[in-house]
Amino acid sequence: MNNYGNVKNTTHAMGWRMRNLELYRDSNHLCVLLHETEGNEEEGIHSNQYLILHREEGVLLDPGGFGVMPDVLEAMLDYCMPEQIKAIILSHQDPDIVGGLASWLEITQAQVWISRLWTRFIPHYGLPPKAVERLIAIPDEGARFTWNDGTELELLPAHFLHSEGNFHVYDPTSQILFSGDLGAAEMSSAALSPFVDDFPAHVCQIAGFHRRYMVSHRAVAVWRATLGDRPLSMIAPQHGAIYRGRAITDFLAWIDELPCGVDCLQPGGRFLP
């Protein structure tokens, strides 16, 4: 039986509460949003970290910056041990995604999947010796991560949304698209609701970010063609609330028509509103 939206609360030794939000669960497969904290986030925008656990083998998606790494680990331990993490998949190279990577590589034997453009960049985050040997360069066309029983995750190209080398992770089992910065909202954890159920009310949280950070309408159109007609139960971005139900189709219709990035650039560094 599938379970969606289950919340698991744990208490850290320091006293604050941590919520793990289970997005999908069946007898073999789990997708969970880790590190939903109250009053304990890094300076800056709140980030989401995701764990996919399949038959006791885990994949971490965009595990976050250095400051949140201990809390994400604490949340993950409710489900698996570090030695069970087989892969860390990075949507792109930003520090709020990669900043804690050195610590993860010290405690796991995971491979690190990232765009081929960034395999020479992320060692500058202070990776441990020989960690470069564990980097998997994703070709521009994408790739598939495969578990031992043949179950797969699809790494879909999403270039220039917003990074030059950018990938989303589509999980066919749960039908969740983990969309990196696409769909992201500029919200603190205190203001964060777990899900977007009223997209028109949510637009004000995402419009400015998408107009500036998504590079062009063409990049969006190419991504939409790549996504195709894959069924979506959720769109889970790296920042802000998760889209479900009608909010998925509303978001896709909105992004299809949005001028963004270089489409809005004017002489003198000005941007169209």
C-alpha atoms as a PDB file:
ATOM      1  CA  MET A   1       0.000   0.000   0.000  1.00  0.00           C
ATOM      2  CA  ASN A   2       1.282   3.463  -0.914  1.00  0.00           C
ATOM      3  CA  ASN A   3       1.437   6.228   1.679  1.00  0.00           C
ATOM      4  CA  TYR A   4       1.791   9.883   0.750  1.00  0.00           C
ATOM      5  CA  GLY A   5       2.566  12.882   2.930  1.00  0.00           C
ATOM      6  CA  ASN A   6       3.409  10.990   6.115  1.00  0.00           C
ATOM      7  CA  VAL A   7       5.247  13.099   8.694  1.00  0.00           C
ATOM      8  CA  LYS A   8       7.751  11.550  11.062  1.00  0.00           C
ATOM      9  CA  ASN A   9       8.883  13.718  13.994  1.00  0.00           C
ATOM     10  CA  THR A  10      12.132  13.204  15.853  1.00  0.00           C
ATOM     11  CA  THR A  11      13.789  15.166  18.653  1.00  0.00           C
ATOM     12  CA  HIS A  12      17.425  16.165  18.410  1.00  0.00           C
ATOM     13  CA  ALA A  13      19.591  16.147  21.547  1.00  0.00           C
ATOM     14  CA  MET A  14      19.699  19.963  21.426  1.00  0.00           C
ATOM     15  CA  GLY A  15      15.935  20.071  21.808  1.00  0.00           C
ATOM     16  CA  TRP A  16      14.619  21.330  18.464  1.00  0.00           C
ATOM     17  CA  ARG A  17      12.116  19.392  16.417  1.00  0.00           C
ATOM     18  CA  MET A  18      12.821  17.825  13.055  1.00  0.00           C
ATOM     19  CA  ARG A  19      10.133  16.692  10.611  1.00  0.00           C
ATOM     20  CA  ASN A  20      10.770  14.021   7.974  1.00  0.00           C
ATOM     21  CA  LEU A  21       8.056  14.184   5.341  1.00  0.00           C
ATOM     22  CA  GLU A  22       7.488  10.866   3.577  1.00  0.00           C
ATOM     23  CA  LEU A  23       6.350  11.586   0.024  1.00  0.00           C
ATOM     24  CA  TYR A  24       5.975   7.969  -1.109  1.00  0.00           C
ATOM     25  CA  ARG A  25       6.234   4.568   0.527  1.00  0.00           C
ATOM     26  CA  ASP A  26       5.602   1.012  -0.577  1.00  0.00           C
ATOM     27  CA  SER A  27       7.119  -2.293   0.548  1.00  0.00           C
ATOM     28  CA  ASN A  28      10.354  -1.678  -1.399  1.00  0.00           C
ATOM     29  CA  HIS A  29      10.597   2.031  -2.094  1.00  0.00           C
ATOM     30  CA  LEU A  30      10.612   5.233  -0.041  1.00  0.00           C
ATOM     31  CA  CYS A  31      10.941   8.910  -0.972  1.00  0.00           C
ATOM     32  CA  VAL A  32      11.362  11.319   1.945  1.00  0.00           C
ATOM     33  CA  LEU A  33      12.048  15.006   2.440  1.00  0.00           C
ATOM     34  CA  LEU A  34      14.720  15.258   5.133  1.00  0.00           C
ATOM     35  CA  HIS A  35      15.710  18.072   7.469  1.00  0.00           C
ATOM     36  CA  GLU A  36      12.510  20.026   7.837  1.00  0.00           C
ATOM     37  CA  THR A  37      13.644  21.972  10.896  1.00  0.00           C
ATOM     38  CA  GLU A  38      12.072  24.670  12.983  1.00  0.00           C
ATOM     39  CA  GLY A  39      14.436  27.525  13.748  1.00  0.00           C
ATOM     40  CA  ASN A  40      17.631  25.778  12.681  1.00  0.00           C
ATOM     41  CA  GLU A  41      18.535  26.570   9.090  1.00  0.00           C
ATOM     42  CA  GLU A  42      21.608  28.032   7.449  1.00  0.00           C
ATOM     43  CA  GLU A  43      21.727  31.730   6.750  1.00  0.00           C
ATOM     44  CA  GLY A  44      19.915  32.390   3.498  1.00  0.00           C
ATOM     45  CA  ILE A  45      17.141  30.557   1.741  1.00  0.00           C
ATOM     46  CA  HIS A  46      15.747  27.322   3.153  1.00  0.00           C
ATOM     47  CA  SER A  47      16.761  24.202   1.184  1.00  0.00           C
ATOM     48  CA  ASN A  48      15.211  20.758   0.766  1.00  0.00           C
ATOM     49  CA  GLN A  49      17.205  17.544   0.960  1.00  0.00           C
ATOM     50  CA  TYR A  50      15.724  14.279  -0.313  1.00  0.00           C
ATOM     51  CA  LEU A  51      16.411  10.581   0.321  1.00  0.00           C
ATOM     52  CA  ILE A  52      15.246   7.783  -1.975  1.00  0.00           C
ATOM     53  CA  LEU A  53      15.570   4.379  -0.340  1.00  0.00           C
ATOM     54  CA  HIS A  54      15.043   1.242  -2.425  1.00  0.00           C
ATOM     55  CA  ARG A  55      15.384  -2.212  -0.863  1.00  0.00           C
ATOM     56  CA  GLU A  56      17.646  -0.742   1.846  1.00  0.00           C
ATOM     57  CA  GLU A  57      19.933   1.048  -0.635  1.00  0.00           C
ATOM     58  CA  GLY A  58      19.810   4.834  -0.560  1.00  0.00           C
ATOM     59  CA  VAL A  59      20.334   7.758  -2.917  1.00  0.00           C
ATOM     60  CA  LEU A  60      20.707  11.306  -1.583  1.00  0.00           C
ATOM     61  CA  LEU A  61      19.586  14.198  -3.774  1.00  0.00           C
ATOM     62  CA  ASP A  62      21.199  17.642  -3.329  1.00  0.00           C
ATOM     63  CA  PRO A  63      22.298  16.973   0.271  1.00  0.00           C
ATOM     64  CA  GLY A  64      22.919  20.621   1.134  1.00  0.00           C
ATOM     65  CA  GLY A  65      25.518  22.973   2.541  1.00  0.00           C
ATOM     66  CA  PHE A  66      28.114  22.401   5.239  1.00  0.00           C
ATOM     67  CA  GLY A  67      25.990  23.977   7.969  1.00  0.00           C
ATOM     68  CA  VAL A  68      23.023  21.631   7.583  1.00  0.00           C
ATOM     69  CA  MET A  69      24.975  18.410   7.051  1.00  0.00           C
ATOM     70  CA  PRO A  70      24.811  17.169  10.693  1.00  0.00           C
ATOM     71  CA  ASP A  71      21.053  17.756  10.828  1.00  0.00           C
ATOM     72  CA  VAL A  72      20.434  16.042   7.490  1.00  0.00           C
ATOM     73  CA  LEU A  73      22.480  13.078   8.690  1.00  0.00           C
ATOM     74  CA  GLU A  74      20.445  12.940  11.901  1.00  0.00           C
ATOM     75  CA  ALA A  75      17.230  12.891   9.859  1.00  0.00           C
ATOM     76  CA  MET A  76      18.567  10.263   7.463  1.00  0.00           C
ATOM     77  CA  LEU A  77      19.475   7.911  10.306  1.00  0.00           C
ATOM     78  CA  ASP A  78      15.763   7.343  10.911  1.00  0.00           C
ATOM     79  CA  TYR A  79      15.813   5.358   7.660  1.00  0.00           C
ATOM     80  CA  CYS A  80      19.295   4.081   6.855  1.00  0.00           C
ATOM     81  CA  MET A  81      22.946   4.090   7.811  1.00  0.00           C
ATOM     82  CA  PRO A  82      25.638   5.987   5.871  1.00  0.00           C
ATOM     83  CA  GLU A  83      27.047   2.765   4.404  1.00  0.00           C
ATOM     84  CA  GLN A  84      23.681   2.166   2.701  1.00  0.00           C
ATOM     85  CA  ILE A  85      24.008   5.344   0.604  1.00  0.00           C
ATOM     86  CA  LYS A  86      25.075   4.190  -2.853  1.00  0.00           C
ATOM     87  CA  ALA A  87      24.879   7.486  -4.739  1.00  0.00           C
ATOM     88  CA  ILE A  88      24.667  11.228  -4.202  1.00  0.00           C
ATOM     89  CA  ILE A  89      23.070  12.992  -7.161  1.00  0.00           C
ATOM     90  CA  LEU A  90      23.717  16.711  -7.545  1.00  0.00           C
ATOM     91  CA  SER A  91      21.442  18.766  -9.770  1.00  0.00           C
ATOM     92  CA  HIS A  92      24.170  21.384 -10.250  1.00  0.00           C
ATOM     93  CA  GLN A  93      27.188  22.983  -8.558  1.00  0.00           C
ATOM     94  CA  ASP A  94      25.824  25.626  -6.160  1.00  0.00           C
ATOM     95  CA  PRO A  95      27.142  25.648  -2.547  1.00  0.00           C
ATOM     96  CA  ASP A  96      23.679  25.184  -1.013  1.00  0.00           C
ATOM     97  CA  ILE A  97      23.724  21.784  -2.747  1.00  0.00           C
ATOM     98  CA  VAL A  98      27.402  20.808  -2.685  1.00  0.00           C
ATOM     99  CA  GLY A  99      28.836  22.627   0.352  1.00  0.00           C
ATOM    100  CA  GLY A 100      28.564  19.626   2.689  1.00  0.00           C
ATOM    101  CA  LEU A 101      29.785  17.073   0.141  1.00  0.00           C
ATOM    102  CA  ALA A 102      33.228  16.534   1.689  1.00  0.00           C
ATOM    103  CA  SER A 103      31.629  15.383   4.936  1.00  0.00           C
ATOM    104  CA  TRP A 104      29.287  12.994   3.105  1.00  0.00           C
ATOM    105  CA  LEU A 105      32.216  11.482   1.229  1.00  0.00           C
ATOM    106  CA  GLU A 106      34.057  10.909   4.513  1.00  0.00           C
ATOM    107  CA  ILE A 107      31.222   8.835   5.998  1.00  0.00           C
ATOM    108  CA  THR A 108      29.899   7.045   2.883  1.00  0.00           C
ATOM    109  CA  GLN A 109      31.350   5.174  -0.093  1.00  0.00           C
ATOM    110  CA  ALA A 110      28.794   6.758  -2.409  1.00  0.00           C
ATOM    111  CA  GLN A 111      29.408   7.691  -5.999  1.00  0.00           C
ATOM    112  CA  VAL A 112      28.716  11.348  -6.778  1.00  0.00           C
ATOM    113  CA  TRP A 113      26.772  12.034  -9.962  1.00  0.00           C
ATOM    114  CA  ILE A 114      27.036  15.544 -11.429  1.00  0.00           C
ATOM    115  CA  SER A 115      27.141  17.195 -14.849  1.00  0.00           C
ATOM    116  CA  ARG A 116      30.371  16.638 -16.728  1.00  0.00           C
ATOM    117  CA  LEU A 117      30.810  20.427 -16.652  1.00  0.00           C
ATOM    118  CA  TRP A 118      31.323  20.434 -12.876  1.00  0.00           C
ATOM    119  CA  THR A 119      33.543  17.405 -12.200  1.00  0.00           C
ATOM    120  CA  ARG A 120      36.604  19.706 -12.277  1.00  0.00           C
ATOM    121  CA  PHE A 121      34.810  22.368 -10.230  1.00  0.00           C
ATOM    122  CA  ILE A 122      33.503  20.597  -7.135  1.00  0.00           C
ATOM    123  CA  PRO A 123      36.918  19.364  -5.876  1.00  0.00           C
ATOM    124  CA  HIS A 124      37.376  23.014  -4.827  1.00  0.00           C
ATOM    125  CA  TYR A 125      34.839  22.295  -2.060  1.00  0.00           C
ATOM    126  CA  GLY A 126      37.637  20.513  -0.169  1.00  0.00           C
ATOM    127  CA  LEU A 127      36.869  16.915  -1.067  1.00  0.00           C
ATOM    128  CA  PRO A 128      38.872  14.204   0.723  1.00  0.00           C
ATOM    129  CA  PRO A 129      41.828  12.497  -1.013  1.00  0.00           C
ATOM    130  CA  LYS A 130      40.887  10.272  -3.957  1.00  0.00           C
ATOM    131  CA  ALA A 131      37.265  11.454  -3.802  1.00  0.00           C
ATOM    132  CA  VAL A 132      37.580  12.585  -7.412  1.00  0.00           C
ATOM    133  CA  GLU A 133      37.708   8.901  -8.352  1.00  0.00           C
ATOM    134  CA  ARG A 134      34.116   8.586  -7.097  1.00  0.00           C
ATOM    135  CA  LEU A 135      32.730  11.323  -9.365  1.00  0.00           C
ATOM    136  CA  ILE A 136      30.432  10.189 -12.173  1.00  0.00           C
ATOM    137  CA  ALA A 137      30.262  12.708 -15.030  1.00  0.00           C
ATOM    138  CA  ILE A 138      26.708  12.885 -16.365  1.00  0.00           C
ATOM    139  CA  PRO A 139      26.708  13.475 -20.140  1.00  0.00           C
ATOM    140  CA  ASP A 140      24.639  16.355 -21.466  1.00  0.00           C
ATOM    141  CA  GLU A 141      21.978  13.919 -22.701  1.00  0.00           C
ATOM    142  CA  GLY A 142      21.358  12.551 -19.197  1.00  0.00           C
ATOM    143  CA  ALA A 143      21.767   9.113 -17.651  1.00  0.00           C
ATOM    144  CA  ARG A 144      20.083   6.472 -15.509  1.00  0.00           C
ATOM    145  CA  PHE A 145      20.969   5.308 -12.032  1.00  0.00           C
ATOM    146  CA  THR A 146      20.098   1.620 -11.618  1.00  0.00           C
ATOM    147  CA  TRP A 147      19.624  -0.361  -8.417  1.00  0.00           C
ATOM    148  CA  ASN A 148      20.595  -4.028  -8.197  1.00  0.00           C
ATOM    149  CA  ASP A 149      17.073  -5.232  -9.057  1.00  0.00           C
ATOM    150  CA  GLY A 150      16.924  -3.103 -12.219  1.00  0.00           C
ATOM    151  CA  THR A 151      14.792  -0.291 -10.767  1.00  0.00           C
ATOM    152  CA  GLU A 152      15.935   3.019 -12.218  1.00  0.00           C
ATOM    153  CA  LEU A 153      16.060   6.749 -11.629  1.00  0.00           C
ATOM    154  CA  GLU A 154      16.149   8.960 -14.730  1.00  0.00           C
ATOM    155  CA  LEU A 155      18.539  11.910 -14.758  1.00  0.00           C
ATOM    156  CA  LEU A 156      16.838  14.334 -17.122  1.00  0.00           C
ATOM    157  CA  PRO A 157      18.627  17.297 -18.741  1.00  0.00           C
ATOM    158  CA  ALA A 158      17.428  20.679 -17.471  1.00  0.00           C
ATOM    159  CA  HIS A 159      20.295  22.796 -18.726  1.00  0.00           C
ATOM    160  CA  PHE A 160      20.260  26.548 -18.027  1.00  0.00           C
ATOM    161  CA  LEU A 161      17.482  26.117 -15.431  1.00  0.00           C
ATOM    162  CA  HIS A 162      19.479  27.743 -13.990  1.00  0.00           C
ATOM    163  CA  SER A 163      22.937  26.142 -14.310  1.00  0.00           C
ATOM    164  CA  GLU A 164      24.711  25.467 -17.602  1.00  0.00           C
ATOM    165  CA  GLY A 165      24.919  21.795 -16.626  1.00  0.00           C
ATOM    166  CA  ASN A 166      21.718  20.970 -14.746  1.00  0.00           C
ATOM    167  CA  PHE A 167      19.753  17.752 -14.177  1.00  0.00           C
ATOM    168  CA  HIS A 168      16.444  16.768 -12.643  1.00  0.00           C
ATOM    169  CA  VAL A 169      15.780  13.328 -11.182  1.00  0.00           C
ATOM    170  CA  TYR A 170      12.610  11.513 -12.220  1.00  0.00           C
ATOM    171  CA  ASP A 171      11.599   8.502 -10.139  1.00  0.00           C
ATOM    172  CA  PRO A 172       9.267   6.285 -12.219  1.00  0.00           C
ATOM    173  CA  THR A 173       8.266   4.254  -9.146  1.00  0.00           C
ATOM    174  CA  SER A 174       6.826   7.199  -7.204  1.00  0.00           C
ATOM    175  CA  GLN A 175       6.296   9.393 -10.302  1.00  0.00           C
ATOM    176  CA  ILE A 176       7.984  12.264  -8.440  1.00  0.00           C
ATOM    177  CA  LEU A 177      10.110  14.767 -10.356  1.00  0.00           C
ATOM    178  CA  PHE A 178      12.883  16.193  -8.188  1.00  0.00           C
ATOM    179  CA  SER A 179      13.288  19.496  -9.993  1.00  0.00           C
ATOM    180  CA  GLY A 180      16.216  21.317  -8.403  1.00  0.00           C
ATOM    181  CA  ASP A 181      15.711  25.074  -8.624  1.00  0.00           C
ATOM    182  CA  LEU A 182      12.818  24.857 -11.074  1.00  0.00           C
ATOM    183  CA  GLY A 183       9.658  25.509  -9.070  1.00  0.00           C
ATOM    184  CA  ALA A 184      11.695  26.808  -6.144  1.00  0.00           C
ATOM    185  CA  ALA A 185      10.147  29.351  -3.780  1.00  0.00           C
ATOM    186  CA  GLU A 186      11.934  32.004  -1.756  1.00  0.00           C
ATOM    187  CA  MET A 187      10.463  31.060   1.619  1.00  0.00           C
ATOM    188  CA  SER A 188      11.940  30.641   5.088  1.00  0.00           C
ATOM    189  CA  SER A 189      11.191  27.438   6.990  1.00  0.00           C
ATOM    190  CA  ALA A 190       8.967  29.410   9.361  1.00  0.00           C
ATOM    191  CA  ALA A 191       6.706  30.366   6.446  1.00  0.00           C
ATOM    192  CA  LEU A 192       6.952  27.026   4.701  1.00  0.00           C
ATOM    193  CA  SER A 193       3.919  24.851   4.038  1.00  0.00           C
ATOM    194  CA  PRO A 194       4.805  21.320   2.916  1.00  0.00           C
ATOM    195  CA  PHE A 195       2.686  21.369  -0.241  1.00  0.00           C
ATOM    196  CA  VAL A 196       1.394  23.796  -2.843  1.00  0.00           C
ATOM    197  CA  ASP A 197      -2.360  23.279  -3.091  1.00  0.00           C
ATOM    198  CA  ASP A 198      -3.321  26.805  -4.223  1.00  0.00           C
ATOM    199  CA  PHE A 199      -1.011  27.728  -7.089  1.00  0.00           C
ATOM    200  CA  PRO A 200      -2.395  31.243  -7.765  1.00  0.00           C
ATOM    201  CA  ALA A 201      -1.642  32.157  -4.157  1.00  0.00           C
ATOM    202  CA  HIS A 202       1.852  30.672  -4.487  1.00  0.00           C
ATOM    203  CA  VAL A 203       2.928  32.563  -7.616  1.00  0.00           C
ATOM    204  CA  CYS A 204       4.155  35.580  -5.661  1.00  0.00           C
ATOM    205  CA  GLN A 205       6.683  33.298  -3.936  1.00  0.00           C
ATOM    206  CA  ILE A 206       8.252  32.064  -7.185  1.00  0.00           C
ATOM    207  CA  ALA A 207       7.789  34.718  -9.892  1.00  0.00           C
ATOM    208  CA  GLY A 208      10.760  36.968  -9.162  1.00  0.00           C
ATOM    209  CA  PHE A 209      13.172  34.089  -8.718  1.00  0.00           C
ATOM    210  CA  HIS A 210      12.160  32.387 -11.952  1.00  0.00           C
ATOM    211  CA  ARG A 211      12.221  35.570 -14.022  1.00  0.00           C
ATOM    212  CA  ARG A 212      15.817  36.256 -12.969  1.00  0.00           C
ATOM    213  CA  TYR A 213      17.382  32.822 -12.470  1.00  0.00           C
ATOM    214  CA  MET A 214      15.897  30.729 -15.302  1.00  0.00           C
ATOM    215  CA  VAL A 215      18.068  31.623 -18.276  1.00  0.00           C
ATOM    216  CA  SER A 216      15.508  31.816 -21.094  1.00  0.00           C
ATOM    217  CA  HIS A 217      12.089  30.753 -22.296  1.00  0.00           C
ATOM    218  CA  ARG A 218      13.833  28.530 -24.865  1.00  0.00           C
ATOM    219  CA  ALA A 219      15.550  26.626 -22.061  1.00  0.00           C
ATOM    220  CA  VAL A 220      12.136  26.053 -20.458  1.00  0.00           C
ATOM    221  CA  ALA A 221      10.636  24.883 -23.765  1.00  0.00           C
ATOM    222  CA  VAL A 222      13.479  22.407 -24.350  1.00  0.00           C
ATOM    223  CA  TRP A 223      13.067  21.054 -20.822  1.00  0.00           C
ATOM    224  CA  ARG A 224       9.310  20.624 -21.330  1.00  0.00           C
ATOM    225  CA  ALA A 225       9.963  18.642 -24.513  1.00  0.00           C
ATOM    226  CA  THR A 226      12.459  16.479 -22.592  1.00  0.00           C
ATOM    227  CA  LEU A 227       9.999  15.863 -19.771  1.00  0.00           C
ATOM    228  CA  GLY A 228       7.369  14.828 -22.287  1.00  0.00           C
ATOM    229  CA  ASP A 229       4.277  13.067 -20.994  1.00  0.00           C
ATOM    230  CA  ARG A 230       5.826  11.366 -17.974  1.00  0.00           C
ATOM    231  CA  PRO A 231       3.165  11.017 -15.277  1.00  0.00           C
ATOM    232  CA  LEU A 232       3.770  13.274 -12.276  1.00  0.00           C
ATOM    233  CA  SER A 233       2.456  12.696  -8.773  1.00  0.00           C
ATOM    234  CA  MET A 234       4.592  15.558  -7.387  1.00  0.00           C
ATOM    235  CA  ILE A 235       7.184  18.126  -8.396  1.00  0.00           C
ATOM    236  CA  ALA A 236       9.679  18.417  -5.538  1.00  0.00           C
ATOM    237  CA  PRO A 237      12.009  21.448  -5.845  1.00  0.00           C
ATOM    238  CA  GLN A 238      15.169  22.189  -3.897  1.00  0.00           C
ATOM    239  CA  HIS A 239      13.594  25.200  -2.153  1.00  0.00           C
ATOM    240  CA  GLY A 240      10.070  25.719  -0.876  1.00  0.00           C
ATOM    241  CA  ALA A 241       6.902  23.690  -1.033  1.00  0.00           C
ATOM    242  CA  ILE A 242       6.168  20.600  -3.122  1.00  0.00           C
ATOM    243  CA  TYR A 243       3.639  20.714  -5.955  1.00  0.00           C
ATOM    244  CA  ARG A 244       0.872  18.143  -6.084  1.00  0.00           C
ATOM    245  CA  GLY A 245      -2.552  17.715  -7.688  1.00  0.00           C
ATOM    246  CA  ARG A 246      -3.840  20.665  -9.676  1.00  0.00           C
ATOM    247  CA  ALA A 247      -0.797  22.738  -8.671  1.00  0.00           C
ATOM    248  CA  ILE A 248       1.377  20.594 -10.973  1.00  0.00           C
ATOM    249  CA  THR A 249      -0.588  21.412 -14.122  1.00  0.00           C
ATOM    250  CA  ASP A 250      -0.974  25.038 -13.019  1.00  0.00           C
ATOM    251  CA  PHE A 251       2.774  25.408 -12.519  1.00  0.00           C
ATOM    252  CA  LEU A 252       3.596  23.834 -15.871  1.00  0.00           C
ATOM    253  CA  ALA A 253       1.106  26.078 -17.666  1.00  0.00           C
ATOM    254  CA  TRP A 254       2.587  29.119 -15.906  1.00  0.00           C
ATOM    255  CA  ILE A 255       6.231  28.288 -16.666  1.00  0.00           C
ATOM    256  CA  ASP A 256       5.324  27.551 -20.305  1.00  0.00           C
ATOM    257  CA  GLU A 257       4.370  31.214 -20.782  1.00  0.00           C
ATOM    258  CA  LEU A 258       6.932  32.932 -18.551  1.00  0.00           C
ATOM    259  CA  PRO A 259       9.485  35.337 -20.082  1.00  0.00           C
ATOM    260  CA  CYS A 260      12.671  34.887 -18.093  1.00  0.00           C
ATOM    261  CA  GLY A 261      16.402  35.481 -17.984  1.00  0.00           C
ATOM    262  CA  VAL A 262      17.849  36.902 -21.182  1.00  0.00           C
ATOM    263  CA  ASP A 263      14.321  37.375 -22.549  1.00  0.00           C
ATOM    264  CA  CYS A 264      13.920  40.161 -19.982  1.00  0.00           C
ATOM    265  CA  LEU A 265      17.406  41.680 -20.159  1.00  0.00           C
ATOM    266  CA  GLN A 266      17.631  45.324 -21.213  1.00  0.00           C
ATOM    267  CA  PRO A 267      20.584  47.646 -21.990  1.00  0.00           C
ATOM    268  CA  GLY A 268      22.322  48.966 -18.915  1.00  0.00           C
ATOM    269  CA  GLY A 269      21.699  45.829 -16.878  1.00  0.00           C
ATOM    270  CA  ARG A 270      17.991  46.487 -16.381  1.00  0.00           C
ATOM    271  CA  PHE A 271      15.392  43.722 -16.406  1.00  0.00           C
ATOM    272  CA  LEU A 272      11.803  43.939 -17.522  1.00  0.00           C
ATOM    273  CA  PRO A 273       9.446  43.586 -14.534  1.00  0.00           C
END
